[in-house]
């Protein structure tokens, strides 16, 4: 099978290619895109080329009938990276059926009451910078405005529970 060649700057609908992302779990090529609305979005290349995805999600919200937009949305950010981070945080801490619940909600990690509303989470954390993820500064603390930052995967790796245990053991020697 011949590899499709695209370059940074190619446009697909409302998306402009920035750079290729690491391979997804399904071994499908992914790219980082800049949407015309200003947000960044990572999507599978085959979905973008087939026009299954044409924007970061902002176009879908604009294309819905006005009545449907008012009835079904409060913030218009469903599907954004910020919303996904917020939803994942809530699921890990509140849903006993979530695969990671035992490492979060099951061990007492809680989400502050204010952050049970997406708009409050977004007001406190702001837009998610490109390439960063939600991290708790104190690994044993809950999800609160004072304990969370947008951080790189490298910083998060150093803040894992087993990394803390290893550092404590080395300090005790």
N, C-alpha and C. Protein backbone atom coordinates (compact mmCIF):
# COMPACT_ATOMS: atom_id res chain seq x y z
N UNK A 1 0.84 -1.16 0.00
CA UNK A 1 0.00 0.00 0.00
C UNK A 1 0.89 1.24 0.00
N UNK A 2 0.56 2.19 -0.83
CA UNK A 2 1.37 3.39 -0.95
C UNK A 2 0.98 4.38 0.15
N UNK A 3 1.99 4.96 0.77
CA UNK A 3 1.77 5.93 1.85
C UNK A 3 1.36 7.28 1.24
N UNK A 4 0.27 7.83 1.74
CA UNK A 4 -0.21 9.13 1.28
C UNK A 4 0.72 10.20 1.83
N UNK A 5 1.17 11.09 0.98
CA UNK A 5 2.08 12.14 1.39
C UNK A 5 1.31 13.44 1.55
N UNK A 6 1.34 14.00 2.74
CA UNK A 6 0.81 15.34 2.95
C UNK A 6 1.88 16.14 3.68
N UNK A 7 1.79 17.42 3.63
CA UNK A 7 2.77 18.28 4.28
C UNK A 7 2.06 19.27 5.18
N UNK A 8 2.83 19.84 6.09
CA UNK A 8 2.28 20.90 6.93
C UNK A 8 1.77 22.01 6.01
N UNK A 9 0.60 22.53 6.33
CA UNK A 9 0.01 23.57 5.52
C UNK A 9 -1.13 23.09 4.64
N UNK A 10 -1.22 21.76 4.39
CA UNK A 10 -2.34 21.23 3.61
C UNK A 10 -3.64 21.51 4.35
N UNK A 11 -4.68 21.87 3.60
CA UNK A 11 -5.98 22.17 4.20
C UNK A 11 -6.97 21.05 3.92
N UNK A 12 -7.76 20.75 4.94
CA UNK A 12 -8.83 19.76 4.84
C UNK A 12 -10.04 20.38 5.53
N UNK A 13 -10.99 20.87 4.78
CA UNK A 13 -12.14 21.54 5.37
C UNK A 13 -11.69 22.78 6.12
N UNK A 14 -11.97 22.83 7.41
CA UNK A 14 -11.59 23.96 8.25
C UNK A 14 -10.26 23.72 8.95
N UNK A 15 -9.61 22.59 8.66
CA UNK A 15 -8.38 22.20 9.34
C UNK A 15 -7.15 22.40 8.46
N UNK A 16 -6.06 22.87 9.07
CA UNK A 16 -4.78 23.01 8.39
C UNK A 16 -3.78 22.11 9.10
N UNK A 17 -3.12 21.24 8.34
CA UNK A 17 -2.16 20.30 8.91
C UNK A 17 -0.97 21.04 9.50
N UNK A 18 -0.55 20.60 10.71
CA UNK A 18 0.62 21.20 11.36
C UNK A 18 1.78 20.22 11.32
N UNK A 19 1.56 19.03 11.92
CA UNK A 19 2.63 18.03 11.99
C UNK A 19 2.02 16.66 12.25
N UNK A 20 2.73 15.63 11.84
CA UNK A 20 2.24 14.28 12.09
C UNK A 20 2.40 13.94 13.57
N UNK A 21 1.42 13.26 14.11
CA UNK A 21 1.43 12.84 15.52
C UNK A 21 1.89 11.39 15.60
N UNK A 22 2.27 10.94 16.81
CA UNK A 22 2.65 9.52 16.95
C UNK A 22 1.49 8.62 16.54
N UNK A 23 1.82 7.40 16.14
CA UNK A 23 0.79 6.45 15.70
C UNK A 23 -0.21 6.18 16.80
N UNK A 24 -1.46 6.07 16.43
CA UNK A 24 -2.53 5.76 17.37
C UNK A 24 -2.50 4.27 17.68
N UNK A 25 -3.27 3.88 18.66
CA UNK A 25 -3.31 2.47 19.06
C UNK A 25 -3.77 1.59 17.90
N UNK A 26 -4.59 2.15 16.99
CA UNK A 26 -5.09 1.36 15.88
C UNK A 26 -4.10 1.35 14.70
N UNK A 27 -2.93 1.91 14.90
CA UNK A 27 -1.91 2.00 13.86
C UNK A 27 -2.38 2.83 12.68
N UNK A 28 -3.18 3.82 12.94
CA UNK A 28 -3.62 4.76 11.92
C UNK A 28 -2.85 6.05 12.09
N UNK A 29 -2.52 6.67 10.98
CA UNK A 29 -1.77 7.92 11.04
C UNK A 29 -2.65 9.04 11.60
N UNK A 30 -2.06 9.81 12.50
CA UNK A 30 -2.74 10.97 13.06
C UNK A 30 -1.91 12.21 12.80
N UNK A 31 -2.62 13.33 12.72
CA UNK A 31 -1.95 14.62 12.52
C UNK A 31 -2.49 15.62 13.52
N UNK A 32 -1.63 16.59 13.84
CA UNK A 32 -2.06 17.76 14.61
C UNK A 32 -2.55 18.77 13.58
N UNK A 33 -3.72 19.33 13.83
CA UNK A 33 -4.32 20.32 12.93
C UNK A 33 -4.63 21.59 13.68
N UNK A 34 -4.59 22.70 12.97
CA UNK A 34 -5.08 23.99 13.49
C UNK A 34 -6.42 24.23 12.81
N UNK A 35 -7.44 24.48 13.61
CA UNK A 35 -8.78 24.75 13.07
C UNK A 35 -8.89 26.24 12.80
N UNK A 36 -9.76 26.60 11.87
CA UNK A 36 -9.97 28.01 11.54
C UNK A 36 -10.47 28.81 12.74
N UNK A 37 -11.09 28.13 13.72
CA UNK A 37 -11.59 28.84 14.91
C UNK A 37 -10.47 29.17 15.89
N UNK A 38 -9.26 28.61 15.67
CA UNK A 38 -8.13 28.90 16.53
C UNK A 38 -7.71 27.76 17.44
N UNK A 39 -8.53 26.73 17.56
CA UNK A 39 -8.19 25.59 18.41
C UNK A 39 -7.30 24.61 17.67
N UNK A 40 -6.56 23.81 18.44
CA UNK A 40 -5.76 22.72 17.88
C UNK A 40 -6.53 21.43 18.06
N UNK A 41 -6.32 20.48 17.15
CA UNK A 41 -7.08 19.24 17.15
C UNK A 41 -6.19 18.14 16.59
N UNK A 42 -6.25 16.96 17.20
CA UNK A 42 -5.54 15.79 16.69
C UNK A 42 -6.59 14.86 16.11
N UNK A 43 -6.37 14.41 14.86
CA UNK A 43 -7.35 13.55 14.20
C UNK A 43 -6.63 12.53 13.32
N UNK A 44 -7.32 11.42 13.10
CA UNK A 44 -6.78 10.42 12.19
C UNK A 44 -6.81 10.98 10.78
N UNK A 45 -5.75 10.75 10.05
CA UNK A 45 -5.63 11.25 8.70
C UNK A 45 -6.71 10.70 7.78
N UNK A 46 -7.05 9.41 7.91
CA UNK A 46 -8.07 8.84 7.04
C UNK A 46 -9.44 9.47 7.30
N UNK A 47 -9.72 9.87 8.53
CA UNK A 47 -11.00 10.53 8.82
C UNK A 47 -11.04 11.94 8.23
N UNK A 48 -9.92 12.62 8.24
CA UNK A 48 -9.87 13.98 7.69
C UNK A 48 -9.94 13.93 6.16
N UNK A 49 -9.21 13.00 5.55
CA UNK A 49 -9.20 12.90 4.09
C UNK A 49 -10.56 12.49 3.54
N UNK A 50 -11.30 11.66 4.29
CA UNK A 50 -12.62 11.21 3.83
C UNK A 50 -13.73 12.20 4.19
N UNK A 51 -13.35 13.30 4.82
CA UNK A 51 -14.28 14.38 5.23
C UNK A 51 -15.22 13.94 6.36
N UNK A 52 -14.85 12.87 7.06
CA UNK A 52 -15.61 12.48 8.25
C UNK A 52 -15.41 13.53 9.34
N UNK A 53 -14.20 14.10 9.36
CA UNK A 53 -13.88 15.21 10.27
C UNK A 53 -13.47 16.39 9.41
N UNK A 54 -14.13 17.53 9.63
CA UNK A 54 -13.78 18.73 8.84
C UNK A 54 -13.38 19.90 9.71
N UNK A 55 -13.55 19.76 11.05
CA UNK A 55 -13.16 20.83 11.97
C UNK A 55 -12.88 20.21 13.33
N UNK A 56 -12.55 21.06 14.30
CA UNK A 56 -12.30 20.57 15.66
C UNK A 56 -13.60 20.22 16.37
N UNK A 57 -14.71 20.49 15.74
CA UNK A 57 -16.02 20.29 16.33
C UNK A 57 -16.83 21.57 16.32
N UNK A 58 -16.15 22.68 16.05
CA UNK A 58 -16.84 23.97 16.06
C UNK A 58 -17.82 24.08 14.89
N UNK A 59 -17.50 23.49 13.76
CA UNK A 59 -18.38 23.58 12.59
C UNK A 59 -19.68 22.83 12.83
N UNK A 60 -19.59 21.68 13.51
CA UNK A 60 -20.78 20.90 13.81
C UNK A 60 -21.75 21.72 14.66
N UNK A 61 -21.20 22.46 15.65
CA UNK A 61 -22.04 23.30 16.51
C UNK A 61 -22.70 24.42 15.71
N UNK A 62 -21.95 25.01 14.77
CA UNK A 62 -22.50 26.11 13.97
C UNK A 62 -23.53 25.61 12.96
N UNK A 63 -23.34 24.37 12.48
CA UNK A 63 -24.21 23.84 11.43
C UNK A 63 -25.56 23.36 11.97
N UNK A 64 -25.64 23.12 13.28
CA UNK A 64 -26.90 22.64 13.87
C UNK A 64 -27.95 23.74 13.79
N UNK A 65 -29.21 23.37 13.65
CA UNK A 65 -30.27 24.39 13.65
C UNK A 65 -30.22 25.21 14.93
N UNK A 66 -30.57 26.48 14.83
CA UNK A 66 -30.46 27.39 15.97
C UNK A 66 -31.20 26.88 17.20
N UNK A 67 -32.39 26.33 17.03
CA UNK A 67 -33.15 25.81 18.16
C UNK A 67 -32.46 24.64 18.82
N UNK A 68 -31.85 23.77 18.02
CA UNK A 68 -31.15 22.61 18.57
C UNK A 68 -29.92 23.07 19.35
N UNK A 69 -29.22 24.09 18.85
CA UNK A 69 -28.05 24.60 19.57
C UNK A 69 -28.46 25.12 20.94
N UNK A 70 -29.52 25.87 20.99
CA UNK A 70 -29.95 26.43 22.27
C UNK A 70 -30.44 25.34 23.21
N UNK A 71 -31.14 24.36 22.69
CA UNK A 71 -31.74 23.33 23.55
C UNK A 71 -30.70 22.34 24.06
N UNK A 72 -29.64 22.05 23.30
CA UNK A 72 -28.74 20.96 23.65
C UNK A 72 -27.35 21.39 24.08
N UNK A 73 -27.05 22.65 24.12
CA UNK A 73 -25.72 23.06 24.52
C UNK A 73 -25.80 24.18 25.54
N UNK A 74 -24.82 24.20 26.42
CA UNK A 74 -24.72 25.29 27.37
C UNK A 74 -23.46 26.10 27.12
N UNK A 75 -22.40 25.44 26.68
CA UNK A 75 -21.12 26.12 26.52
C UNK A 75 -20.55 25.99 25.11
N UNK A 76 -21.05 25.10 24.30
CA UNK A 76 -20.57 24.94 22.93
C UNK A 76 -19.19 24.33 22.81
N UNK A 77 -18.67 23.73 23.87
CA UNK A 77 -17.31 23.19 23.83
C UNK A 77 -17.25 21.67 23.92
N UNK A 78 -18.38 21.00 23.83
CA UNK A 78 -18.38 19.55 23.85
C UNK A 78 -17.52 19.04 22.71
N UNK A 79 -16.64 18.11 22.99
CA UNK A 79 -15.77 17.56 21.97
C UNK A 79 -14.41 18.23 21.90
N UNK A 80 -14.22 19.35 22.59
CA UNK A 80 -12.91 20.01 22.58
C UNK A 80 -11.96 19.27 23.52
N UNK A 81 -10.68 19.54 23.41
CA UNK A 81 -9.69 18.89 24.26
C UNK A 81 -9.92 19.25 25.74
N UNK A 82 -10.34 20.47 26.00
CA UNK A 82 -10.62 20.88 27.38
C UNK A 82 -11.79 20.08 27.95
N UNK A 83 -12.84 19.92 27.15
CA UNK A 83 -14.01 19.18 27.62
C UNK A 83 -13.66 17.72 27.84
N UNK A 84 -12.86 17.14 26.94
CA UNK A 84 -12.46 15.74 27.09
C UNK A 84 -11.64 15.54 28.36
N UNK A 85 -10.74 16.48 28.66
CA UNK A 85 -9.93 16.39 29.88
C UNK A 85 -10.84 16.47 31.11
N UNK A 86 -11.80 17.39 31.09
CA UNK A 86 -12.73 17.55 32.20
C UNK A 86 -13.58 16.30 32.38
N UNK A 87 -14.13 15.78 31.30
CA UNK A 87 -14.98 14.60 31.37
C UNK A 87 -14.19 13.39 31.87
N UNK A 88 -12.97 13.20 31.40
CA UNK A 88 -12.14 12.09 31.84
C UNK A 88 -11.84 12.19 33.33
N UNK A 89 -11.55 13.42 33.78
CA UNK A 89 -11.28 13.66 35.20
C UNK A 89 -12.50 13.22 36.03
N UNK A 90 -13.69 13.66 35.63
CA UNK A 90 -14.90 13.30 36.38
C UNK A 90 -15.15 11.80 36.35
N UNK A 91 -14.98 11.17 35.20
CA UNK A 91 -15.23 9.74 35.09
C UNK A 91 -14.29 8.94 35.98
N UNK A 92 -13.00 9.29 35.97
CA UNK A 92 -12.02 8.57 36.80
C UNK A 92 -12.35 8.66 38.28
N UNK A 93 -12.91 9.79 38.69
CA UNK A 93 -13.14 10.02 40.12
C UNK A 93 -14.53 9.66 40.60
N UNK A 94 -15.51 9.57 39.71
CA UNK A 94 -16.89 9.37 40.16
C UNK A 94 -17.58 8.12 39.62
N UNK A 95 -17.04 7.52 38.57
CA UNK A 95 -17.70 6.38 37.94
C UNK A 95 -17.02 5.07 38.32
N UNK A 96 -17.62 4.29 39.22
CA UNK A 96 -16.99 3.02 39.63
C UNK A 96 -16.77 2.05 38.47
N UNK A 97 -17.45 2.22 37.35
CA UNK A 97 -17.27 1.34 36.20
C UNK A 97 -16.11 1.77 35.30
N UNK A 98 -15.51 2.93 35.56
CA UNK A 98 -14.39 3.41 34.74
C UNK A 98 -13.15 2.57 35.03
N UNK A 99 -12.37 2.26 34.01
CA UNK A 99 -11.22 1.36 34.18
C UNK A 99 -10.18 1.91 35.16
N UNK A 100 -10.10 3.23 35.34
CA UNK A 100 -9.10 3.82 36.23
C UNK A 100 -9.68 4.25 37.57
N UNK A 101 -10.93 3.94 37.84
CA UNK A 101 -11.58 4.39 39.07
C UNK A 101 -10.80 3.95 40.32
N UNK A 102 -10.28 2.75 40.33
CA UNK A 102 -9.58 2.25 41.52
C UNK A 102 -8.35 3.09 41.86
N UNK A 103 -7.73 3.71 40.85
CA UNK A 103 -6.54 4.53 41.07
C UNK A 103 -6.88 5.99 41.37
N UNK A 104 -8.14 6.36 41.25
CA UNK A 104 -8.56 7.75 41.48
C UNK A 104 -9.67 7.79 42.52
N UNK A 105 -10.92 7.71 42.10
CA UNK A 105 -12.03 7.77 43.04
C UNK A 105 -11.97 6.67 44.08
N UNK A 106 -11.51 5.50 43.71
CA UNK A 106 -11.41 4.38 44.63
C UNK A 106 -10.40 4.58 45.73
N UNK A 107 -9.42 5.44 45.53
CA UNK A 107 -8.44 5.72 46.59
C UNK A 107 -8.62 7.10 47.20
N UNK A 108 -9.79 7.70 46.92
CA UNK A 108 -10.14 8.94 47.61
C UNK A 108 -9.86 10.23 46.86
N UNK A 109 -9.43 10.15 45.61
CA UNK A 109 -9.20 11.37 44.83
C UNK A 109 -10.56 11.92 44.43
N UNK A 110 -10.84 13.15 44.76
CA UNK A 110 -12.14 13.78 44.50
C UNK A 110 -11.99 15.01 43.63
N UNK A 111 -13.08 15.38 42.99
CA UNK A 111 -13.16 16.61 42.19
C UNK A 111 -13.90 17.63 43.04
N UNK A 112 -13.35 18.84 43.16
CA UNK A 112 -14.02 19.86 43.97
C UNK A 112 -15.41 20.15 43.40
N UNK A 113 -16.32 20.57 44.27
CA UNK A 113 -17.71 20.82 43.86
C UNK A 113 -17.79 21.81 42.70
N UNK A 114 -16.95 22.84 42.73
CA UNK A 114 -16.97 23.87 41.68
C UNK A 114 -16.72 23.25 40.30
N UNK A 115 -15.85 22.26 40.23
CA UNK A 115 -15.47 21.68 38.94
C UNK A 115 -16.43 20.62 38.44
N UNK A 116 -17.52 20.40 39.11
CA UNK A 116 -18.54 19.50 38.56
C UNK A 116 -19.32 20.20 37.45
N UNK A 117 -19.05 21.49 37.24
CA UNK A 117 -19.64 22.27 36.15
C UNK A 117 -18.51 22.64 35.20
N UNK A 118 -18.63 22.25 33.93
CA UNK A 118 -17.54 22.45 32.97
C UNK A 118 -17.12 23.91 32.86
N UNK A 119 -18.08 24.83 32.83
CA UNK A 119 -17.75 26.24 32.67
C UNK A 119 -16.83 26.74 33.79
N UNK A 120 -17.01 26.24 35.00
CA UNK A 120 -16.14 26.63 36.11
C UNK A 120 -14.74 26.06 35.94
N UNK A 121 -14.66 24.80 35.51
CA UNK A 121 -13.36 24.18 35.23
C UNK A 121 -12.62 24.99 34.18
N UNK A 122 -13.31 25.34 33.09
CA UNK A 122 -12.67 26.08 32.01
C UNK A 122 -12.26 27.49 32.46
N UNK A 123 -13.08 28.12 33.28
CA UNK A 123 -12.74 29.45 33.78
C UNK A 123 -11.47 29.41 34.63
N UNK A 124 -11.30 28.35 35.41
CA UNK A 124 -10.13 28.22 36.29
C UNK A 124 -8.88 27.77 35.54
N UNK A 125 -9.03 26.82 34.63
CA UNK A 125 -7.86 26.24 33.95
C UNK A 125 -7.51 26.94 32.65
N UNK A 126 -8.49 27.53 31.98
CA UNK A 126 -8.24 28.18 30.70
C UNK A 126 -8.10 27.16 29.58
N UNK A 127 -7.73 27.66 28.41
CA UNK A 127 -7.57 26.80 27.24
C UNK A 127 -6.39 25.85 27.46
N UNK A 128 -6.55 24.64 26.97
CA UNK A 128 -5.50 23.64 27.10
C UNK A 128 -4.38 23.94 26.10
N UNK A 129 -3.18 24.23 26.59
CA UNK A 129 -2.07 24.48 25.65
C UNK A 129 -1.74 23.22 24.86
N UNK A 130 -1.31 23.42 23.65
CA UNK A 130 -0.99 22.35 22.73
C UNK A 130 0.05 21.41 23.35
N UNK A 131 -0.26 20.11 23.37
CA UNK A 131 0.69 19.10 23.82
C UNK A 131 0.70 18.86 25.33
N UNK A 132 -0.13 19.55 26.10
CA UNK A 132 -0.14 19.38 27.54
C UNK A 132 -1.40 18.65 28.00
N UNK A 133 -1.35 18.10 29.21
CA UNK A 133 -2.47 17.37 29.77
C UNK A 133 -2.72 17.85 31.19
N UNK A 134 -3.88 17.49 31.73
CA UNK A 134 -4.26 17.89 33.08
C UNK A 134 -3.49 17.08 34.11
N UNK A 135 -2.86 17.78 35.08
CA UNK A 135 -2.08 17.10 36.10
C UNK A 135 -2.37 17.69 37.47
N UNK A 136 -2.39 16.80 38.48
CA UNK A 136 -2.47 17.25 39.87
C UNK A 136 -1.06 17.44 40.40
N UNK A 137 -0.78 18.57 41.00
CA UNK A 137 0.54 18.87 41.54
C UNK A 137 0.86 17.91 42.69
N UNK A 138 -0.07 17.79 43.64
CA UNK A 138 0.05 16.82 44.73
C UNK A 138 -0.69 15.57 44.29
N UNK A 139 0.04 14.52 44.05
CA UNK A 139 -0.53 13.29 43.50
C UNK A 139 -1.58 12.65 44.42
N UNK A 140 -1.53 12.97 45.71
CA UNK A 140 -2.51 12.43 46.65
C UNK A 140 -3.66 13.40 46.90
N UNK A 141 -3.58 14.60 46.32
CA UNK A 141 -4.62 15.60 46.48
C UNK A 141 -5.69 15.46 45.41
N UNK A 142 -6.78 16.16 45.61
CA UNK A 142 -7.89 16.10 44.67
C UNK A 142 -7.73 17.05 43.50
N UNK A 143 -8.72 17.05 42.64
CA UNK A 143 -8.75 17.96 41.50
C UNK A 143 -9.37 19.28 41.97
N UNK A 144 -8.53 20.27 42.19
CA UNK A 144 -8.96 21.60 42.62
C UNK A 144 -8.17 22.63 41.82
N UNK A 145 -8.63 23.88 41.77
CA UNK A 145 -7.89 24.91 41.03
C UNK A 145 -6.45 25.09 41.53
N UNK A 146 -6.23 24.95 42.82
CA UNK A 146 -4.89 25.16 43.38
C UNK A 146 -3.98 23.96 43.19
N UNK A 147 -4.54 22.80 42.88
CA UNK A 147 -3.74 21.58 42.77
C UNK A 147 -3.59 21.08 41.33
N UNK A 148 -4.10 21.82 40.34
CA UNK A 148 -4.04 21.33 38.96
C UNK A 148 -3.36 22.33 38.04
N UNK A 149 -2.64 21.79 37.07
CA UNK A 149 -1.99 22.59 36.03
C UNK A 149 -2.04 21.81 34.73
N UNK A 150 -1.81 22.50 33.61
CA UNK A 150 -1.60 21.82 32.34
C UNK A 150 -0.12 21.49 32.29
N UNK A 151 0.24 20.21 32.11
CA UNK A 151 1.64 19.78 32.16
C UNK A 151 1.95 18.83 31.01
N UNK A 152 3.25 18.71 30.73
CA UNK A 152 3.70 17.79 29.67
C UNK A 152 3.66 16.36 30.19
N UNK A 153 3.70 15.40 29.27
CA UNK A 153 3.72 13.99 29.66
C UNK A 153 4.99 13.70 30.48
N UNK A 154 6.10 14.35 30.14
CA UNK A 154 7.34 14.11 30.87
C UNK A 154 7.20 14.52 32.34
N UNK A 155 6.58 15.69 32.57
CA UNK A 155 6.36 16.15 33.95
C UNK A 155 5.41 15.21 34.68
N UNK A 156 4.38 14.74 33.99
CA UNK A 156 3.44 13.83 34.62
C UNK A 156 4.11 12.50 34.98
N UNK A 157 4.99 12.05 34.12
CA UNK A 157 5.68 10.78 34.36
C UNK A 157 6.47 10.85 35.67
N UNK A 158 7.07 12.00 35.95
CA UNK A 158 7.85 12.17 37.17
C UNK A 158 6.96 12.29 38.40
N UNK A 159 5.67 12.55 38.21
CA UNK A 159 4.75 12.77 39.32
C UNK A 159 3.89 11.53 39.61
N UNK A 160 4.24 10.38 39.04
CA UNK A 160 3.46 9.17 39.29
C UNK A 160 3.66 8.68 40.71
N UNK A 161 2.69 7.92 41.22
CA UNK A 161 2.77 7.40 42.58
C UNK A 161 4.02 6.55 42.78
N UNK A 162 4.33 5.66 41.83
CA UNK A 162 5.49 4.79 42.02
C UNK A 162 6.80 5.58 41.93
N UNK A 163 6.82 6.70 41.22
CA UNK A 163 8.00 7.55 41.18
C UNK A 163 8.19 8.23 42.54
N UNK A 164 7.11 8.65 43.17
CA UNK A 164 7.18 9.28 44.51
C UNK A 164 7.69 8.26 45.53
N UNK A 165 7.19 7.04 45.44
CA UNK A 165 7.60 6.00 46.39
C UNK A 165 9.09 5.72 46.24
N UNK A 166 9.57 5.65 45.00
CA UNK A 166 10.99 5.40 44.75
C UNK A 166 11.83 6.56 45.29
N UNK A 167 11.39 7.80 45.10
CA UNK A 167 12.15 8.95 45.61
C UNK A 167 12.18 8.93 47.14
N UNK A 168 11.07 8.59 47.77
CA UNK A 168 11.03 8.52 49.24
C UNK A 168 11.97 7.43 49.75
N UNK A 169 11.98 6.28 49.08
CA UNK A 169 12.84 5.18 49.49
C UNK A 169 14.31 5.57 49.35
N UNK A 170 14.66 6.26 48.25
CA UNK A 170 16.05 6.68 48.05
C UNK A 170 16.46 7.74 49.07
N UNK A 171 15.52 8.62 49.44
CA UNK A 171 15.82 9.66 50.42
C UNK A 171 16.04 9.07 51.81
N UNK A 172 15.38 7.96 52.10
CA UNK A 172 15.50 7.32 53.41
C UNK A 172 16.84 6.61 53.58
N UNK A 173 17.51 6.31 52.49
CA UNK A 173 18.80 5.57 52.57
C UNK A 173 19.91 6.42 53.10
